[in-house]
């Protein structure tokens, strides 16, 4: 008897729907959809406010990340501050004397408009100066997204979260370098 009552209650609701049964023109589709694009915009705006990831901090309130480039590996800690960058216990200007290397390290801050807002402490091992600068940049970008998850889309669109996996090709036997042959002499 309960099942019959549920069927009777459901029947009037289905009779009151006004949607056409068949759609023959795009105008019919427009009538059915109503204001769907505005509704979609509201959903997108709500998603933009809520980050997909949570903030990851250590007990000292720092974000930690590892950056890699060529043979260099950088461990990077990021915390709010005045924009001071310390690499292997030395200031950025001393460790990376070339301005281009300092520019590489500061790219994640420039693209997110956070210059001078965070202090960076990094330890780097392996590789040369160029590879180390790239490793620190990779670590800074990852640590920045861990401290402020909202910035992830900006940093990812710039390509700073992707690890550049290119490494030097090994030397082959019978060759001067990896592919370079010895000079050929006809006589």
Protein backbone atom coordinates (compact mmCIF):
# COMPACT_ATOMS: atom_id res chain seq x y z
CA UNK A 1 0.00 0.00 0.00
CA UNK A 2 2.93 2.34 0.66
CA UNK A 3 4.26 1.81 -2.87
CA UNK A 4 0.91 2.88 -4.41
CA UNK A 5 0.91 6.13 -2.39
CA UNK A 6 4.46 6.96 -3.57
CA UNK A 7 3.45 6.36 -7.20
CA UNK A 8 0.39 8.61 -6.83
CA UNK A 9 2.48 11.40 -5.33
CA UNK A 10 5.11 11.19 -8.08
CA UNK A 11 2.63 11.25 -10.96
CA UNK A 12 1.45 14.91 -10.58
CA UNK A 13 5.03 16.18 -10.58
CA UNK A 14 5.83 14.59 -13.93
CA UNK A 15 2.67 16.01 -15.45
CA UNK A 16 3.63 19.61 -14.61
CA UNK A 17 6.94 19.69 -16.51
CA UNK A 18 6.87 22.07 -19.49
CA UNK A 19 9.97 20.98 -21.41
CA UNK A 20 9.25 19.95 -25.01
CA UNK A 21 9.73 16.26 -25.66
CA UNK A 22 11.59 16.73 -28.95
CA UNK A 23 14.06 19.42 -29.95
CA UNK A 24 13.94 20.35 -33.62
CA UNK A 25 15.73 23.71 -33.58
CA UNK A 26 18.49 25.48 -31.64
CA UNK A 27 15.90 27.99 -30.43
CA UNK A 28 14.16 25.17 -28.53
CA UNK A 29 17.49 24.33 -26.91
CA UNK A 30 17.90 27.97 -25.86
CA UNK A 31 14.49 27.92 -24.16
CA UNK A 32 15.40 24.77 -22.25
CA UNK A 33 18.84 25.97 -21.15
CA UNK A 34 17.66 29.32 -19.83
CA UNK A 35 20.55 31.21 -18.25
CA UNK A 36 23.02 28.31 -18.08
CA UNK A 37 26.15 30.31 -19.11
CA UNK A 38 25.69 32.69 -16.17
CA UNK A 39 25.21 29.74 -13.86
CA UNK A 40 28.43 28.20 -15.19
CA UNK A 41 30.29 31.45 -14.55
CA UNK A 42 29.16 31.38 -10.92
CA UNK A 43 30.42 27.81 -10.53
CA UNK A 44 33.78 28.70 -12.11
CA UNK A 45 34.14 31.76 -9.85
CA UNK A 46 33.38 29.64 -6.78
CA UNK A 47 36.05 27.12 -7.82
CA UNK A 48 38.61 29.89 -8.33
CA UNK A 49 38.19 31.04 -4.73
CA UNK A 50 38.74 27.57 -3.25
CA UNK A 51 42.27 26.25 -3.93
CA UNK A 52 42.50 22.63 -5.04
CA UNK A 53 45.46 22.01 -2.74
CA UNK A 54 46.17 22.86 0.86
CA UNK A 55 49.05 24.96 2.15
CA UNK A 56 52.02 22.75 3.10
CA UNK A 57 54.23 24.24 5.83
CA UNK A 58 56.80 22.78 8.20
CA UNK A 59 56.70 23.48 11.98
CA UNK A 60 58.78 26.68 11.48
CA UNK A 61 56.16 28.08 9.04
CA UNK A 62 58.29 27.52 5.93
CA UNK A 63 57.43 25.86 2.63
CA UNK A 64 59.97 23.27 1.48
CA UNK A 65 60.60 22.00 -2.04
CA UNK A 66 63.30 20.26 -4.05
CA UNK A 67 64.38 21.62 -7.41
CA UNK A 68 66.43 19.82 -10.04
CA UNK A 69 68.19 20.83 -13.25
CA UNK A 70 70.91 18.91 -15.13
CA UNK A 71 73.04 17.36 -12.35
CA UNK A 72 72.17 20.01 -9.76
CA UNK A 73 69.79 19.40 -6.85
CA UNK A 74 68.52 22.30 -4.73
CA UNK A 75 66.73 22.10 -1.40
CA UNK A 76 64.70 25.29 -0.97
CA UNK A 77 62.92 26.74 2.07
CA UNK A 78 60.59 29.72 1.56
CA UNK A 79 59.20 31.98 4.28
CA UNK A 80 57.69 35.49 4.40
CA UNK A 81 60.35 38.16 4.61
CA UNK A 82 62.12 40.97 2.79
CA UNK A 83 63.25 39.18 -0.38
CA UNK A 84 66.64 37.95 0.86
CA UNK A 85 68.04 34.93 -1.01
CA UNK A 86 70.76 32.84 0.66
CA UNK A 87 72.38 30.02 -1.33
CA UNK A 88 74.79 27.64 0.48
CA UNK A 89 75.23 30.17 3.30
CA UNK A 90 76.16 33.04 0.97
CA UNK A 91 74.12 35.93 -0.40
CA UNK A 92 72.63 35.58 -3.87
CA UNK A 93 74.90 38.36 -5.25
CA UNK A 94 78.03 36.57 -4.04
CA UNK A 95 77.12 33.00 -5.02
CA UNK A 96 75.61 33.84 -8.41
CA UNK A 97 77.82 36.70 -9.61
CA UNK A 98 76.28 36.82 -13.10
CA UNK A 99 73.12 38.96 -13.28
CA UNK A 100 71.46 36.48 -15.67
CA UNK A 101 71.64 33.73 -13.05
CA UNK A 102 70.07 36.00 -10.43
CA UNK A 103 67.37 36.88 -12.95
CA UNK A 104 66.63 33.17 -13.46
CA UNK A 105 66.19 32.63 -9.72
CA UNK A 106 63.81 35.57 -9.34
CA UNK A 107 61.55 34.66 -12.31
CA UNK A 108 58.89 32.85 -10.20
CA UNK A 109 58.58 35.91 -7.95
CA UNK A 110 58.37 38.28 -10.93
CA UNK A 111 55.62 36.34 -12.69
CA UNK A 112 53.52 36.08 -9.51
CA UNK A 113 54.23 39.70 -8.46
CA UNK A 114 55.72 38.60 -5.12
CA UNK A 115 59.14 40.29 -5.42
CA UNK A 116 60.59 41.22 -2.03
CA UNK A 117 57.89 39.37 -0.07
CA UNK A 118 59.66 36.06 0.66
CA UNK A 119 63.03 35.01 2.00
CA UNK A 120 64.69 32.01 0.35
CA UNK A 121 67.21 29.68 1.95
CA UNK A 122 68.67 27.12 -0.46
CA UNK A 123 71.34 24.48 -0.42
CA UNK A 124 72.58 23.32 -3.83
CA UNK A 125 74.83 20.43 -4.80
CA UNK A 126 76.11 19.14 -8.11
CA UNK A 127 76.33 20.60 -11.58
CA UNK A 128 77.61 24.00 -12.60
CA UNK A 129 76.35 27.48 -11.80
CA UNK A 130 73.79 27.53 -14.63
CA UNK A 131 72.32 24.19 -13.59
CA UNK A 132 72.29 25.25 -9.95
CA UNK A 133 70.43 28.47 -10.78
CA UNK A 134 67.85 26.44 -12.71
CA UNK A 135 67.51 24.02 -9.80
CA UNK A 136 66.95 26.87 -7.33
CA UNK A 137 64.34 28.40 -9.69
CA UNK A 138 62.52 25.07 -9.90
CA UNK A 139 62.59 24.71 -6.11
CA UNK A 140 61.42 28.28 -5.52
CA UNK A 141 58.49 27.80 -7.92
CA UNK A 142 57.42 24.59 -6.17
CA UNK A 143 57.81 26.09 -2.69
CA UNK A 144 55.82 29.16 -3.75
CA UNK A 145 52.91 26.97 -4.86
CA UNK A 146 53.06 25.10 -1.55
CA UNK A 147 52.95 28.36 0.41
CA UNK A 148 50.25 29.96 -1.77
CA UNK A 149 48.28 27.25 -3.63
CA UNK A 150 46.31 29.91 -5.55
CA UNK A 151 49.48 30.79 -7.50
CA UNK A 152 49.85 27.29 -8.93
CA UNK A 153 47.99 28.06 -12.17
CA UNK A 154 50.14 31.13 -12.84
CA UNK A 155 53.42 29.38 -12.14
CA UNK A 156 52.42 26.25 -14.04
CA UNK A 157 51.33 28.26 -17.10
CA UNK A 158 54.79 29.86 -17.16
CA UNK A 159 56.34 26.36 -17.16
CA UNK A 160 58.29 26.74 -13.92
CA UNK A 161 56.89 23.60 -12.24
CA UNK A 162 58.07 21.31 -15.02
CA UNK A 163 61.43 19.72 -14.37
CA UNK A 164 63.74 20.24 -17.35
CA UNK A 165 64.96 16.68 -17.83
CA UNK A 166 67.66 17.44 -20.41
CA UNK A 167 71.08 16.21 -19.31
CA UNK A 168 74.47 15.96 -20.98
CA UNK A 169 74.76 12.93 -23.23
CA UNK A 170 77.47 10.47 -22.25
CA UNK A 171 80.68 10.09 -24.23
CA UNK A 172 80.81 7.08 -26.56
CA UNK A 173 83.92 5.02 -27.22
CA UNK A 174 85.63 5.72 -30.54
CA UNK A 175 84.36 9.31 -30.49
CA UNK A 176 85.93 12.56 -29.31
CA UNK A 177 82.77 13.52 -27.41
CA UNK A 178 79.25 12.11 -27.34
CA UNK A 179 78.82 12.39 -31.12
CA UNK A 180 81.82 14.36 -32.37
CA UNK A 181 84.27 12.24 -34.37
CA UNK A 182 88.01 12.66 -34.48
CA UNK A 183 89.36 14.70 -37.36
CA UNK A 184 89.47 12.69 -40.59
CA UNK A 185 92.74 12.50 -42.50
CA UNK A 186 92.78 11.13 -46.03
CA UNK A 187 96.58 10.62 -46.05
